[in-house]
């Protein structure tokens, strides 16, 4: 009886150990599965999902440059500033250019006359460096003596102040009888033309081009200065010249 009981005890003990081993193994599997599920919940990974792209950082696309609006500065006398003979806008405002046009007209001024700071050269020296086109119009109030040198000085001042600018010199208009142009005005026109030629800039000749040959309605009661229609005529004649000057480079 004693040996039989011992045998059963050994069997019972072995069975108990086997059950314990199996229980430990089952608990291990459950623990691993639980951990895996926990990890899946923590990362939010969906086995069937496509991974999101990793963001990259750096410079954005380079914007396409656009041409800046060209700037035009007109330096002139009362044919630019206007007088009592016209009531509407003066010719610089009538050009209709795709440009910023600034008019600097001062009555009784010119290349040699006008007082301190008011001559054409004085105003040219103060031009913004970014000016694209400079227009001089006048000379009719200047003395003939020294006029060519005065025009050359104004052109040089413009080139120094705005080195990249294109310069257009317009001779003094004649608004009197087209059949009797004053010799003094021809002499002024020739002096201005000679200076423009020496400097290699564009010259426009209102006398030769007959701007005011059909002067009726274009010239005011004073017989000298342009009316509204006269300012429109100046704009009409200079518009193609300035359109070419402000056109983008090919």
Protein backbone atom coordinates (compact mmCIF):
# COMPACT_ATOMS: atom_id res chain seq x y z
CA UNK A 1 0.00 0.00 0.00
CA UNK A 2 2.78 2.34 0.83
CA UNK A 3 4.53 1.85 -2.60
CA UNK A 4 1.26 2.14 -4.46
CA UNK A 5 0.48 5.35 -2.73
CA UNK A 6 3.93 6.68 -3.52
CA UNK A 7 3.46 5.86 -7.20
CA UNK A 8 0.23 7.72 -7.32
CA UNK A 9 1.84 10.65 -5.56
CA UNK A 10 4.63 10.70 -8.18
CA UNK A 11 2.09 10.58 -11.00
CA UNK A 12 0.06 13.27 -9.37
CA UNK A 13 3.14 15.43 -8.95
CA UNK A 14 4.15 14.91 -12.63
CA UNK A 15 0.70 15.78 -13.81
CA UNK A 16 0.67 18.91 -11.74
CA UNK A 17 4.03 19.99 -13.17
CA UNK A 18 2.77 19.42 -16.74
CA UNK A 19 -0.34 21.47 -16.08
CA UNK A 20 1.81 24.27 -14.66
CA UNK A 21 4.10 24.24 -17.70
CA UNK A 22 1.15 24.40 -20.08
CA UNK A 23 -0.41 27.23 -18.10
CA UNK A 24 2.83 29.23 -18.21
CA UNK A 25 3.09 28.70 -21.97
CA UNK A 26 -0.49 29.83 -22.52
CA UNK A 27 0.06 32.91 -20.40
CA UNK A 28 3.19 33.74 -22.43
CA UNK A 29 1.31 33.56 -25.72
CA UNK A 30 -1.47 35.73 -24.36
CA UNK A 31 1.05 38.26 -23.09
CA UNK A 32 2.83 38.48 -26.44
CA UNK A 33 -0.46 38.94 -28.30
CA UNK A 34 -1.58 41.61 -25.88
CA UNK A 35 1.69 43.49 -26.29
CA UNK A 36 1.42 43.33 -30.06
CA UNK A 37 -2.08 44.70 -29.97
CA UNK A 38 -0.96 47.45 -27.63
CA UNK A 39 1.88 48.41 -29.96
CA UNK A 40 -0.50 48.46 -32.93
CA UNK A 41 -2.86 50.77 -31.08
CA UNK A 42 -0.04 53.08 -29.95
CA UNK A 43 1.42 53.62 -33.47
CA UNK A 44 -1.88 53.76 -35.33
CA UNK A 45 -0.43 51.66 -38.14
CA UNK A 46 -2.96 50.10 -40.46
CA UNK A 47 -1.51 47.00 -42.10
CA UNK A 48 -3.41 47.74 -45.33
CA UNK A 49 -2.63 51.50 -45.46
CA UNK A 50 0.01 53.18 -47.66
CA UNK A 51 2.64 55.13 -45.75
CA UNK A 52 2.23 58.91 -45.96
CA UNK A 53 4.99 60.75 -47.87
CA UNK A 54 7.67 62.38 -45.76
CA UNK A 55 7.43 66.17 -46.07
CA UNK A 56 10.40 67.99 -47.57
CA UNK A 57 11.45 71.54 -46.89
CA UNK A 58 13.36 74.15 -48.91
CA UNK A 59 12.93 77.08 -51.29
CA UNK A 60 9.59 77.41 -53.05
CA UNK A 61 9.20 77.82 -56.80
CA UNK A 62 10.95 80.87 -58.23
CA UNK A 63 8.34 83.42 -59.40
CA UNK A 64 8.42 84.39 -63.04
CA UNK A 65 9.87 87.92 -63.26
CA UNK A 66 7.77 90.60 -64.90
CA UNK A 67 9.02 93.69 -66.61
CA UNK A 68 8.74 96.81 -64.47
CA UNK A 69 6.68 99.71 -65.78
CA UNK A 70 9.10 102.09 -67.51
CA UNK A 71 9.47 105.62 -66.17
CA UNK A 72 9.53 108.70 -68.39
CA UNK A 73 10.53 112.16 -67.16
CA UNK A 74 9.77 115.21 -69.30
CA UNK A 75 11.88 118.32 -68.69
CA UNK A 76 10.51 121.43 -70.38
CA UNK A 77 9.21 124.97 -70.26
CA UNK A 78 5.65 126.35 -70.45
CA UNK A 79 4.95 124.21 -73.51
CA UNK A 80 5.06 121.38 -70.94
CA UNK A 81 3.74 123.08 -67.80
CA UNK A 82 0.81 124.69 -69.62
CA UNK A 83 -0.45 128.28 -69.65
CA UNK A 84 -3.71 130.20 -69.58
CA UNK A 85 -4.13 129.24 -73.25
CA UNK A 86 -5.09 125.66 -72.33
CA UNK A 87 -7.57 124.42 -69.77
CA UNK A 88 -7.17 120.65 -69.94
CA UNK A 89 -4.25 118.36 -69.22
CA UNK A 90 -0.91 119.12 -70.86
CA UNK A 91 0.62 116.85 -73.49
CA UNK A 92 2.60 114.52 -71.18
CA UNK A 93 -0.69 113.36 -69.66
CA UNK A 94 -2.15 112.70 -73.12
CA UNK A 95 0.53 110.31 -74.39
CA UNK A 96 -1.37 107.16 -73.44
CA UNK A 97 1.82 105.22 -72.81
CA UNK A 98 2.17 102.05 -70.78
CA UNK A 99 4.60 103.97 -68.58
CA UNK A 100 4.83 106.26 -65.58
CA UNK A 101 5.18 109.76 -67.05
CA UNK A 102 6.36 112.64 -64.87
CA UNK A 103 6.24 116.18 -66.24
CA UNK A 104 8.70 118.77 -64.96
CA UNK A 105 7.61 121.88 -66.82
CA UNK A 106 8.76 125.28 -65.57
CA UNK A 107 7.63 128.45 -67.32
CA UNK A 108 10.29 130.78 -68.73
CA UNK A 109 13.00 128.13 -68.33
CA UNK A 110 15.41 126.48 -70.71
CA UNK A 111 18.92 125.11 -71.07
CA UNK A 112 20.48 128.42 -69.99
CA UNK A 113 17.63 130.36 -68.37
CA UNK A 114 15.27 129.73 -65.48
CA UNK A 115 17.10 130.68 -62.34
CA UNK A 116 18.88 128.56 -59.74
CA UNK A 117 17.74 124.94 -59.81
CA UNK A 118 15.31 125.48 -62.68
CA UNK A 119 17.46 125.09 -65.79
CA UNK A 120 17.14 121.89 -67.78
CA UNK A 121 20.57 120.77 -66.57
CA UNK A 122 19.64 121.42 -62.93
CA UNK A 123 16.54 119.28 -63.21
CA UNK A 124 18.39 116.58 -65.15
CA UNK A 125 20.97 116.33 -62.38
CA UNK A 126 18.19 115.46 -59.91
CA UNK A 127 16.67 112.64 -61.98
CA UNK A 128 16.04 109.32 -60.20
CA UNK A 129 18.69 106.79 -61.17
CA UNK A 130 15.95 104.39 -62.30
CA UNK A 131 14.58 106.75 -64.96
CA UNK A 132 14.22 104.90 -68.27
CA UNK A 133 13.54 107.76 -70.69
CA UNK A 134 14.34 111.46 -70.43
CA UNK A 135 12.68 113.96 -72.76
CA UNK A 136 13.92 117.53 -73.15
CA UNK A 137 11.56 119.91 -74.97
CA UNK A 138 12.36 123.57 -75.30
CA UNK A 139 15.11 126.05 -75.98
CA UNK A 140 12.88 128.71 -77.46
CA UNK A 141 13.54 131.09 -74.55
CA UNK A 142 17.31 130.59 -74.54
CA UNK A 143 19.89 132.94 -76.08
CA UNK A 144 21.56 131.44 -79.13
CA UNK A 145 25.04 132.12 -77.78
CA UNK A 146 26.11 129.20 -75.60
CA UNK A 147 22.95 127.21 -76.30
CA UNK A 148 24.68 124.18 -77.83
CA UNK A 149 26.95 123.89 -74.80
CA UNK A 150 23.93 124.24 -72.51
CA UNK A 151 22.15 121.38 -74.24
CA UNK A 152 25.25 119.22 -74.03
CA UNK A 153 25.50 119.97 -70.30
CA UNK A 154 21.87 118.92 -69.75
CA UNK A 155 22.39 115.66 -71.63
CA UNK A 156 25.55 114.94 -69.64
CA UNK A 157 23.71 115.62 -66.37
CA UNK A 158 20.94 113.21 -67.35
CA UNK A 159 23.46 110.51 -68.23
CA UNK A 160 25.20 110.93 -64.90
CA UNK A 161 22.00 110.85 -62.85
CA UNK A 162 20.29 108.06 -64.82
CA UNK A 163 23.04 106.11 -66.62
CA UNK A 164 20.69 103.57 -68.23
CA UNK A 165 18.18 106.10 -69.54
CA UNK A 166 17.40 106.81 -73.18
CA UNK A 167 17.46 110.51 -74.00
CA UNK A 168 15.23 112.30 -76.49
CA UNK A 169 15.81 115.95 -77.34
CA UNK A 170 12.92 117.87 -78.91
CA UNK A 171 13.72 121.18 -80.52
CA UNK A 172 11.75 124.35 -79.79
CA UNK A 173 8.37 124.35 -81.54
CA UNK A 174 7.41 127.25 -83.81
CA UNK A 175 3.80 128.30 -83.42
CA UNK A 176 3.93 131.45 -85.57
CA UNK A 177 3.25 131.68 -89.28
CA UNK A 178 4.70 128.61 -91.01
CA UNK A 179 5.78 130.82 -93.89
CA UNK A 180 7.82 133.15 -91.70
CA UNK A 181 9.83 131.15 -89.18
CA UNK A 182 12.05 133.58 -87.27
CA UNK A 183 15.76 133.31 -88.07
CA UNK A 184 16.53 133.36 -84.35
CA UNK A 185 14.32 130.29 -83.82
CA UNK A 186 16.04 128.47 -86.67
CA UNK A 187 19.38 129.28 -85.01
CA UNK A 188 18.14 127.89 -81.68
CA UNK A 189 16.81 124.77 -83.38
CA UNK A 190 20.16 124.22 -85.10
CA UNK A 191 22.10 124.63 -81.85
CA UNK A 192 19.89 122.10 -80.07
CA UNK A 193 20.14 119.68 -83.00
CA UNK A 194 23.94 119.97 -83.09
CA UNK A 195 24.20 119.15 -79.39
CA UNK A 196 21.91 116.12 -79.75
CA UNK A 197 23.94 114.89 -82.71
CA UNK A 198 27.23 115.32 -80.84
CA UNK A 199 25.84 113.36 -77.89
CA UNK A 200 24.38 110.63 -80.11
CA UNK A 201 20.82 110.96 -78.84
CA UNK A 202 17.46 111.10 -80.64
CA UNK A 203 16.48 114.53 -81.96
CA UNK A 204 12.94 115.51 -82.92
CA UNK A 205 12.42 118.67 -85.02
CA UNK A 206 8.94 120.22 -84.60
CA UNK A 207 9.75 122.97 -87.11
CA UNK A 208 10.80 120.65 -89.93
CA UNK A 209 7.93 118.27 -89.08
CA UNK A 210 5.37 121.09 -89.25
CA UNK A 211 3.72 120.41 -85.90
CA UNK A 212 1.84 123.72 -85.98
CA UNK A 213 1.74 124.39 -89.72
CA UNK A 214 -2.07 124.19 -89.56
CA UNK A 215 -2.09 126.40 -86.51
CA UNK A 216 -5.79 127.30 -86.45
CA UNK A 217 -7.23 126.05 -83.17
CA UNK A 218 -3.84 124.76 -82.05
CA UNK A 219 -2.40 128.07 -80.83
CA UNK A 220 -3.98 130.29 -78.19
CA UNK A 221 -4.98 133.94 -78.37
CA UNK A 222 -1.48 134.99 -77.34
CA UNK A 223 -0.23 133.63 -80.67
CA UNK A 224 2.48 131.57 -78.97
CA UNK A 225 1.32 128.84 -76.63
CA UNK A 226 -0.71 125.71 -77.46
CA UNK A 227 -4.39 125.28 -76.69
CA UNK A 228 -5.87 121.99 -75.53
CA UNK A 229 -5.87 120.92 -79.17
CA UNK A 230 -2.27 122.07 -79.44
CA UNK A 231 -1.24 119.89 -76.50
CA UNK A 232 -3.07 116.99 -78.08
CA UNK A 233 -1.05 117.63 -81.26
CA UNK A 234 2.27 117.51 -79.38
CA UNK A 235 1.23 114.23 -77.71
CA UNK A 236 0.18 112.83 -81.08
CA UNK A 237 3.56 113.62 -82.66
CA UNK A 238 5.67 112.35 -79.76
CA UNK A 239 3.63 109.24 -78.94
CA UNK A 240 5.28 106.90 -81.51
CA UNK A 241 8.74 108.16 -80.57
CA UNK A 242 8.14 107.41 -76.90
CA UNK A 243 6.40 104.11 -77.58
CA UNK A 244 9.56 102.96 -79.30
CA UNK A 245 11.75 104.32 -76.51
CA UNK A 246 9.75 102.53 -73.77
CA UNK A 247 9.27 99.24 -75.61
CA UNK A 248 10.92 96.21 -73.92
CA UNK A 249 14.24 95.21 -75.40
CA UNK A 250 13.88 92.44 -77.99
